[in-house]
Amino acid sequence: MKPSRLQSVEPLAPAQNEAQSLPAWIYRDPEFFEREKQAIFRNSWQAVCHVNDIPRTGDFHTFEFFGESVVVLRGEDGAVRAFHNVCRHRAARILDGPKGHCGRRITCPYHAWTYGLDGRLVAVPQRERFAGLDTARHGLVPLGVQRASTK
């Protein structure tokens, strides 16, 4: 029978550790998995690709992370950046496929809002229809990137 909430577990003596495992209910319990996603996975770095996988300006890799799409790409300045893979206008996915090359701009396939490889919103079709749009505030939403140590 599964417990209704997570409980702390007393550490076992070293000789007993080899024979212990997590209770079976943990591997299929949706509530436990939701808590793991929040407490562990969303607070941990996720490997999307190796920097050598995106050697040229405009090369990208995408990553699906618990229902959210992330894109990692190489910018014109050589920097590696990560963003939520959605347009700020209508939340359409901006880059499809697991990897590819987008050139020097990212153009949303839905309404053609266009972003630089640094995430800046650089073009909006029919701009006059968006009075007061602050393009500096409507770039792609960045995510943290950390290069692994080579030591």
N, C-alpha and C. Protein backbone atom coordinates (compact mmCIF):
# COMPACT_ATOMS: atom_id res chain seq x y z
N MET A 1 0.84 -1.18 0.00
CA MET A 1 0.00 0.00 0.00
C MET A 1 0.88 1.23 0.00
N LYS A 2 0.60 2.19 -0.85
CA LYS A 2 1.44 3.38 -0.94
C LYS A 2 1.07 4.38 0.14
N PRO A 3 2.07 5.09 0.67
CA PRO A 3 1.77 6.13 1.65
C PRO A 3 1.15 7.33 0.95
N SER A 4 0.40 8.15 1.69
CA SER A 4 -0.28 9.29 1.09
C SER A 4 0.66 10.46 0.85
N ARG A 5 1.81 10.49 1.49
CA ARG A 5 2.78 11.55 1.28
C ARG A 5 4.18 10.98 1.38
N LEU A 6 5.14 11.76 0.91
CA LEU A 6 6.53 11.31 1.00
C LEU A 6 6.96 11.26 2.45
N GLN A 7 7.73 10.27 2.79
CA GLN A 7 8.20 10.13 4.15
C GLN A 7 9.71 10.01 4.14
N SER A 8 10.33 10.50 5.19
CA SER A 8 11.78 10.33 5.25
C SER A 8 12.09 8.88 5.58
N VAL A 9 13.23 8.43 5.10
CA VAL A 9 13.64 7.04 5.30
C VAL A 9 14.93 7.05 6.10
N GLU A 10 14.97 6.24 7.12
CA GLU A 10 16.17 6.14 7.94
C GLU A 10 17.28 5.47 7.14
N PRO A 11 18.50 5.98 7.23
CA PRO A 11 19.60 5.33 6.50
C PRO A 11 19.86 3.94 7.06
N LEU A 12 20.26 3.06 6.18
CA LEU A 12 20.57 1.69 6.56
C LEU A 12 22.05 1.57 6.86
N ALA A 13 22.37 0.56 7.60
CA ALA A 13 23.77 0.27 7.85
C ALA A 13 24.42 -0.09 6.53
N PRO A 14 25.69 0.24 6.30
CA PRO A 14 26.35 -0.02 5.01
C PRO A 14 26.18 -1.43 4.48
N ALA A 15 26.22 -2.43 5.32
CA ALA A 15 26.11 -3.81 4.84
C ALA A 15 24.72 -4.09 4.27
N GLN A 16 23.70 -3.35 4.72
CA GLN A 16 22.34 -3.58 4.26
C GLN A 16 22.01 -2.80 2.99
N ASN A 17 22.78 -1.77 2.67
CA ASN A 17 22.48 -0.93 1.51
C ASN A 17 22.42 -1.70 0.20
N GLU A 18 23.23 -2.71 0.04
CA GLU A 18 23.30 -3.43 -1.23
C GLU A 18 21.99 -4.15 -1.55
N ALA A 19 21.25 -4.54 -0.56
CA ALA A 19 20.04 -5.32 -0.79
C ALA A 19 18.79 -4.46 -0.84
N GLN A 20 18.90 -3.14 -0.71
CA GLN A 20 17.73 -2.28 -0.64
C GLN A 20 17.43 -1.62 -1.97
N SER A 21 16.17 -1.32 -2.17
CA SER A 21 15.71 -0.63 -3.37
C SER A 21 14.57 0.28 -2.96
N LEU A 22 14.16 1.14 -3.87
CA LEU A 22 13.00 1.98 -3.62
C LEU A 22 11.74 1.12 -3.68
N PRO A 23 10.70 1.50 -2.96
CA PRO A 23 9.46 0.73 -3.03
C PRO A 23 8.89 0.76 -4.46
N ALA A 24 8.26 -0.31 -4.87
CA ALA A 24 7.76 -0.44 -6.24
C ALA A 24 6.77 0.64 -6.63
N TRP A 25 5.94 1.11 -5.70
CA TRP A 25 4.91 2.10 -6.03
C TRP A 25 5.51 3.40 -6.55
N ILE A 26 6.74 3.72 -6.15
CA ILE A 26 7.39 4.98 -6.55
C ILE A 26 7.58 5.04 -8.06
N TYR A 27 7.81 3.91 -8.70
CA TYR A 27 8.12 3.89 -10.13
C TYR A 27 6.90 4.14 -11.03
N ARG A 28 5.71 4.08 -10.48
CA ARG A 28 4.52 4.27 -11.32
C ARG A 28 3.50 5.24 -10.72
N ASP A 29 3.86 5.92 -9.65
CA ASP A 29 2.94 6.83 -8.99
C ASP A 29 3.01 8.24 -9.61
N PRO A 30 1.92 8.72 -10.23
CA PRO A 30 1.94 10.03 -10.89
C PRO A 30 2.22 11.18 -9.93
N GLU A 31 1.68 11.11 -8.72
CA GLU A 31 1.91 12.19 -7.74
C GLU A 31 3.38 12.26 -7.34
N PHE A 32 3.99 11.12 -7.13
CA PHE A 32 5.40 11.09 -6.77
C PHE A 32 6.25 11.64 -7.93
N PHE A 33 5.89 11.26 -9.17
CA PHE A 33 6.62 11.74 -10.33
C PHE A 33 6.51 13.26 -10.46
N GLU A 34 5.33 13.81 -10.22
CA GLU A 34 5.17 15.28 -10.26
C GLU A 34 6.07 15.94 -9.23
N ARG A 35 6.15 15.38 -8.06
CA ARG A 35 7.02 15.95 -7.02
C ARG A 35 8.49 15.82 -7.40
N GLU A 36 8.86 14.69 -8.01
CA GLU A 36 10.24 14.52 -8.49
C GLU A 36 10.57 15.57 -9.56
N LYS A 37 9.63 15.79 -10.50
CA LYS A 37 9.86 16.78 -11.56
C LYS A 37 10.16 18.15 -10.94
N GLN A 38 9.36 18.54 -9.96
CA GLN A 38 9.54 19.86 -9.35
C GLN A 38 10.78 19.92 -8.47
N ALA A 39 10.99 18.92 -7.66
CA ALA A 39 12.08 18.95 -6.68
C ALA A 39 13.44 18.59 -7.25
N ILE A 40 13.46 17.74 -8.26
CA ILE A 40 14.75 17.25 -8.77
C ILE A 40 15.02 17.73 -10.19
N PHE A 41 14.21 17.30 -11.14
CA PHE A 41 14.52 17.54 -12.56
C PHE A 41 14.48 19.02 -12.95
N ARG A 42 13.48 19.77 -12.50
CA ARG A 42 13.40 21.19 -12.88
C ARG A 42 14.47 22.03 -12.17
N ASN A 43 15.08 21.50 -11.15
CA ASN A 43 16.13 22.21 -10.43
C ASN A 43 17.53 21.71 -10.79
N SER A 44 17.60 20.90 -11.83
CA SER A 44 18.88 20.32 -12.25
C SER A 44 19.19 20.73 -13.68
N TRP A 45 20.45 20.77 -14.00
CA TRP A 45 20.86 21.02 -15.38
C TRP A 45 20.45 19.84 -16.24
N GLN A 46 20.03 20.11 -17.47
CA GLN A 46 19.66 19.07 -18.41
C GLN A 46 20.59 19.16 -19.61
N ALA A 47 21.17 18.05 -20.01
CA ALA A 47 22.06 18.04 -21.17
C ALA A 47 21.21 18.02 -22.44
N VAL A 48 21.41 19.02 -23.30
CA VAL A 48 20.67 19.11 -24.55
C VAL A 48 21.55 18.63 -25.70
N CYS A 49 22.78 19.11 -25.73
CA CYS A 49 23.71 18.70 -26.77
C CYS A 49 25.12 19.11 -26.33
N HIS A 50 26.09 18.62 -27.05
CA HIS A 50 27.47 19.03 -26.83
C HIS A 50 27.72 20.26 -27.69
N VAL A 51 28.55 21.18 -27.23
CA VAL A 51 28.81 22.40 -28.02
C VAL A 51 29.32 22.07 -29.42
N ASN A 52 29.99 20.95 -29.58
CA ASN A 52 30.47 20.55 -30.91
C ASN A 52 29.32 20.14 -31.84
N ASP A 53 28.13 19.90 -31.29
CA ASP A 53 26.97 19.56 -32.11
C ASP A 53 26.36 20.78 -32.79
N ILE A 54 26.76 21.97 -32.35
CA ILE A 54 26.27 23.22 -32.95
C ILE A 54 27.48 24.12 -33.29
N PRO A 55 28.29 23.69 -34.24
CA PRO A 55 29.55 24.39 -34.51
C PRO A 55 29.39 25.72 -35.27
N ARG A 56 28.36 25.83 -36.11
CA ARG A 56 28.23 27.02 -36.97
C ARG A 56 27.12 27.95 -36.48
N THR A 57 27.26 29.20 -36.80
CA THR A 57 26.21 30.18 -36.52
C THR A 57 24.89 29.67 -37.09
N GLY A 58 23.85 29.65 -36.27
CA GLY A 58 22.53 29.20 -36.71
C GLY A 58 22.25 27.73 -36.51
N ASP A 59 23.25 26.94 -36.11
CA ASP A 59 23.00 25.53 -35.81
C ASP A 59 22.21 25.45 -34.50
N PHE A 60 21.27 24.50 -34.43
CA PHE A 60 20.46 24.39 -33.21
C PHE A 60 20.14 22.94 -32.89
N HIS A 61 19.79 22.72 -31.64
CA HIS A 61 19.22 21.46 -31.15
C HIS A 61 18.02 21.83 -30.31
N THR A 62 16.96 21.03 -30.41
CA THR A 62 15.80 21.23 -29.56
C THR A 62 15.72 20.11 -28.53
N PHE A 63 14.94 20.36 -27.50
CA PHE A 63 14.84 19.42 -26.39
C PHE A 63 13.44 19.55 -25.80
N GLU A 64 12.74 18.44 -25.69
CA GLU A 64 11.43 18.44 -25.04
C GLU A 64 11.62 18.11 -23.57
N PHE A 65 11.15 19.00 -22.72
CA PHE A 65 11.35 18.83 -21.28
C PHE A 65 10.01 18.97 -20.57
N PHE A 66 9.40 17.83 -20.25
CA PHE A 66 8.11 17.79 -19.56
C PHE A 66 7.08 18.71 -20.21
N GLY A 67 6.92 18.55 -21.52
CA GLY A 67 5.89 19.28 -22.24
C GLY A 67 6.30 20.66 -22.71
N GLU A 68 7.52 21.07 -22.44
CA GLU A 68 8.00 22.37 -22.89
C GLU A 68 9.14 22.15 -23.87
N SER A 69 9.16 22.95 -24.93
CA SER A 69 10.21 22.83 -25.92
C SER A 69 11.29 23.88 -25.66
N VAL A 70 12.53 23.44 -25.73
CA VAL A 70 13.70 24.29 -25.50
C VAL A 70 14.56 24.22 -26.76
N VAL A 71 15.19 25.33 -27.12
CA VAL A 71 16.13 25.32 -28.24
C VAL A 71 17.46 25.88 -27.76
N VAL A 72 18.53 25.20 -28.15
CA VAL A 72 19.90 25.65 -27.89
C VAL A 72 20.51 25.94 -29.25
N LEU A 73 21.14 27.11 -29.39
CA LEU A 73 21.69 27.47 -30.69
C LEU A 73 22.99 28.24 -30.57
N ARG A 74 23.69 28.31 -31.69
CA ARG A 74 24.95 29.05 -31.77
C ARG A 74 24.65 30.41 -32.39
N GLY A 75 25.01 31.48 -31.67
CA GLY A 75 24.76 32.83 -32.12
C GLY A 75 25.82 33.34 -33.07
N GLU A 76 25.55 34.52 -33.65
CA GLU A 76 26.50 35.14 -34.58
C GLU A 76 27.81 35.49 -33.90
N ASP A 77 27.76 35.72 -32.60
CA ASP A 77 28.98 36.04 -31.84
C ASP A 77 29.69 34.79 -31.34
N GLY A 78 29.20 33.61 -31.74
CA GLY A 78 29.80 32.34 -31.32
C GLY A 78 29.28 31.81 -30.00
N ALA A 79 28.47 32.61 -29.30
CA ALA A 79 27.94 32.19 -28.00
C ALA A 79 26.86 31.13 -28.18
N VAL A 80 26.77 30.24 -27.18
CA VAL A 80 25.72 29.23 -27.13
C VAL A 80 24.63 29.77 -26.21
N ARG A 81 23.40 29.78 -26.71
CA ARG A 81 22.27 30.30 -25.95
C ARG A 81 21.13 29.29 -25.97
N ALA A 82 20.28 29.38 -24.95
CA ALA A 82 19.09 28.54 -24.88
C ALA A 82 17.87 29.42 -24.66
N PHE A 83 16.76 29.04 -25.28
CA PHE A 83 15.51 29.78 -25.18
C PHE A 83 14.35 28.81 -25.13
N HIS A 84 13.21 29.29 -24.60
CA HIS A 84 11.97 28.56 -24.80
C HIS A 84 11.70 28.62 -26.30
N ASN A 85 11.34 27.50 -26.88
CA ASN A 85 11.18 27.38 -28.33
C ASN A 85 9.76 27.78 -28.75
N VAL A 86 9.34 28.97 -28.36
CA VAL A 86 8.02 29.47 -28.71
C VAL A 86 8.08 30.96 -29.04
N CYS A 87 7.27 31.34 -30.01
CA CYS A 87 7.15 32.75 -30.39
C CYS A 87 6.43 33.51 -29.29
N ARG A 88 6.82 34.74 -29.07
CA ARG A 88 6.19 35.57 -28.03
C ARG A 88 4.84 36.13 -28.48
N HIS A 89 4.50 35.97 -29.74
CA HIS A 89 3.23 36.50 -30.24
C HIS A 89 2.07 35.55 -29.94
N ARG A 90 2.12 34.35 -30.47
CA ARG A 90 1.04 33.39 -30.29
C ARG A 90 1.52 32.03 -29.80
N ALA A 91 2.74 31.98 -29.28
CA ALA A 91 3.30 30.77 -28.69
C ALA A 91 3.46 29.60 -29.66
N ALA A 92 3.59 29.88 -30.94
CA ALA A 92 3.86 28.82 -31.91
C ALA A 92 5.31 28.35 -31.75
N ARG A 93 5.54 27.10 -32.01
CA ARG A 93 6.90 26.57 -31.99
C ARG A 93 7.69 27.25 -33.11
N ILE A 94 8.88 27.76 -32.80
CA ILE A 94 9.62 28.51 -33.81
C ILE A 94 10.62 27.67 -34.59
N LEU A 95 11.16 26.62 -33.99
CA LEU A 95 12.08 25.73 -34.71
C LEU A 95 11.61 24.29 -34.52
N ASP A 96 11.45 23.58 -35.63
CA ASP A 96 10.97 22.20 -35.59
C ASP A 96 12.11 21.23 -35.81
N GLY A 97 11.89 20.01 -35.36
CA GLY A 97 12.87 18.95 -35.54
C GLY A 97 13.87 18.93 -34.40
N PRO A 98 14.56 17.82 -34.26
CA PRO A 98 15.52 17.69 -33.16
C PRO A 98 16.77 18.54 -33.32
N LYS A 99 17.13 18.84 -34.58
CA LYS A 99 18.32 19.66 -34.82
C LYS A 99 18.23 20.22 -36.23
N GLY A 100 19.08 21.22 -36.49
CA GLY A 100 19.07 21.79 -37.82
C GLY A 100 19.88 23.07 -37.89
N HIS A 101 19.60 23.83 -38.92
CA HIS A 101 20.29 25.10 -39.16
C HIS A 101 19.22 26.12 -39.56
N CYS A 102 19.18 27.25 -38.87
CA CYS A 102 18.13 28.25 -39.12
C CYS A 102 18.66 29.49 -39.82
N GLY A 103 19.93 29.52 -40.18
CA GLY A 103 20.49 30.71 -40.81
C GLY A 103 20.81 31.76 -39.75
N ARG A 104 20.62 33.02 -40.09
CA ARG A 104 20.97 34.10 -39.17
C ARG A 104 19.76 34.70 -38.45
N ARG A 105 18.59 34.18 -38.73
CA ARG A 105 17.36 34.66 -38.11
C ARG A 105 16.44 33.46 -37.85
N ILE A 106 15.54 33.66 -36.88
CA ILE A 106 14.52 32.66 -36.58
C ILE A 106 13.18 33.32 -36.88
N THR A 107 12.44 32.75 -37.81
CA THR A 107 11.16 33.34 -38.18
C THR A 107 10.03 32.39 -37.80
N CYS A 108 9.10 32.90 -37.03
CA CYS A 108 7.96 32.09 -36.60
C CYS A 108 7.13 31.71 -37.82
N PRO A 109 6.79 30.43 -37.97
CA PRO A 109 6.02 29.99 -39.14
C PRO A 109 4.56 30.45 -39.10
N TYR A 110 4.09 30.95 -37.98
CA TYR A 110 2.67 31.32 -37.85
C TYR A 110 2.40 32.73 -38.35
N HIS A 111 3.04 33.76 -37.77
CA HIS A 111 2.82 35.14 -38.19
C HIS A 111 4.11 35.86 -38.57
N ALA A 112 5.19 35.12 -38.71
CA ALA A 112 6.47 35.64 -39.20
C ALA A 112 7.15 36.67 -38.30
N TRP A 113 6.87 36.63 -36.99
CA TRP A 113 7.71 37.44 -36.10
C TRP A 113 9.12 36.87 -36.21
N THR A 114 10.11 37.74 -36.25
CA THR A 114 11.47 37.30 -36.52
C THR A 114 12.40 37.71 -35.38
N TYR A 115 13.25 36.77 -35.01
CA TYR A 115 14.17 36.95 -33.88
C TYR A 115 15.61 36.79 -34.36
N GLY A 116 16.51 37.55 -33.74
CA GLY A 116 17.93 37.35 -33.96
C GLY A 116 18.39 36.13 -33.18
N LEU A 117 19.58 35.67 -33.47
CA LEU A 117 20.11 34.49 -32.78
C LEU A 117 20.46 34.79 -31.32
N ASP A 118 20.40 36.05 -30.95
CA ASP A 118 20.59 36.42 -29.54
C ASP A 118 19.25 36.52 -28.82
N GLY A 119 18.14 36.21 -29.52
CA GLY A 119 16.82 36.21 -28.92
C GLY A 119 16.04 37.51 -29.09
N ARG A 120 16.69 38.56 -29.58
CA ARG A 120 16.00 39.85 -29.76
C ARG A 120 14.91 39.74 -30.82
N LEU A 121 13.79 40.40 -30.58
CA LEU A 121 12.74 40.51 -31.59
C LEU A 121 13.19 41.59 -32.58
N VAL A 122 13.43 41.20 -33.83
CA VAL A 122 14.00 42.14 -34.81
C VAL A 122 13.02 42.57 -35.90
N ALA A 123 11.91 41.84 -36.09
CA ALA A 123 10.95 42.24 -37.12
C ALA A 123 9.56 41.73 -36.77
N VAL A 124 8.57 42.59 -37.02
CA VAL A 124 7.18 42.25 -36.80
C VAL A 124 6.39 42.69 -38.03
N PRO A 125 5.83 41.75 -38.79
CA PRO A 125 5.02 42.15 -39.95
C PRO A 125 3.83 43.01 -39.49
N GLN A 126 3.47 43.96 -40.31
CA GLN A 126 2.37 44.88 -40.00
C GLN A 126 2.55 45.51 -38.62
N ARG A 127 3.75 46.01 -38.43
CA ARG A 127 4.14 46.59 -37.14
C ARG A 127 3.17 47.65 -36.64
N GLU A 128 2.55 48.38 -37.56
CA GLU A 128 1.63 49.45 -37.18
C GLU A 128 0.40 48.93 -36.43
N ARG A 129 0.11 47.65 -36.56
CA ARG A 129 -1.04 47.05 -35.85
C ARG A 129 -0.72 46.78 -34.37
N PHE A 130 0.53 46.93 -34.00
CA PHE A 130 0.95 46.64 -32.62
C PHE A 130 1.45 47.92 -31.96
N ALA A 131 0.59 48.92 -31.90
CA ALA A 131 0.97 50.20 -31.30
C ALA A 131 1.45 49.97 -29.87
N GLY A 132 2.56 50.57 -29.55
CA GLY A 132 3.10 50.46 -28.20
C GLY A 132 3.89 49.20 -27.92
N LEU A 133 4.08 48.36 -28.93
CA LEU A 133 4.85 47.13 -28.73
C LEU A 133 6.31 47.48 -28.43
N ASP A 134 6.78 47.04 -27.29
CA ASP A 134 8.18 47.25 -26.91
C ASP A 134 8.97 46.01 -27.33
N THR A 135 9.64 46.10 -28.47
CA THR A 135 10.35 44.93 -29.00
C THR A 135 11.45 44.46 -28.05
N ALA A 136 11.99 45.36 -27.25
CA ALA A 136 13.04 44.97 -26.31
C ALA A 136 12.50 44.03 -25.22
N ARG A 137 11.22 44.09 -24.96
CA ARG A 137 10.62 43.24 -23.92
C ARG A 137 9.98 41.97 -24.48
N HIS A 138 9.95 41.82 -25.79
CA HIS A 138 9.26 40.68 -26.39
C HIS A 138 10.18 39.76 -27.18
N GLY A 139 11.44 39.70 -26.79
CA GLY A 139 12.35 38.74 -27.39
C GLY A 139 12.06 37.35 -26.86
N LEU A 140 12.80 36.38 -27.35
CA LEU A 140 12.65 35.01 -26.86
C LEU A 140 13.02 34.95 -25.39
N VAL A 141 12.38 34.06 -24.66
CA VAL A 141 12.64 33.92 -23.22
C VAL A 141 13.88 33.05 -23.04
N PRO A 142 14.94 33.63 -22.46
CA PRO A 142 16.19 32.87 -22.32
C PRO A 142 16.15 31.86 -21.18
N LEU A 143 16.99 30.86 -21.31
CA LEU A 143 17.20 29.86 -20.26
C LEU A 143 18.70 29.82 -19.96
N GLY A 144 19.04 29.36 -18.80
CA GLY A 144 20.44 29.27 -18.41
C GLY A 144 21.21 28.24 -19.22
N VAL A 145 22.45 28.55 -19.48
CA VAL A 145 23.34 27.64 -20.20
C VAL A 145 24.63 27.55 -19.41
N GLN A 146 25.12 26.37 -19.23
CA GLN A 146 26.41 26.20 -18.56
C GLN A 146 27.20 25.17 -19.34
N ARG A 147 28.41 25.56 -19.69
CA ARG A 147 29.30 24.61 -20.37
C ARG A 147 29.96 23.73 -19.33
N ALA A 148 30.01 22.48 -19.62
CA ALA A 148 30.64 21.51 -18.70
C ALA A 148 32.13 21.76 -18.66
N SER A 149 32.70 21.52 -17.52
CA SER A 149 34.14 21.64 -17.35
C SER A 149 34.86 20.55 -18.12
N THR A 150 36.01 20.88 -18.67
CA THR A 150 36.79 19.87 -19.41
C THR A 150 37.90 19.27 -18.57
N LYS A 151 37.88 19.55 -17.30
CA LYS A 151 38.92 19.02 -16.39
C LYS A 151 38.71 17.57 -16.10
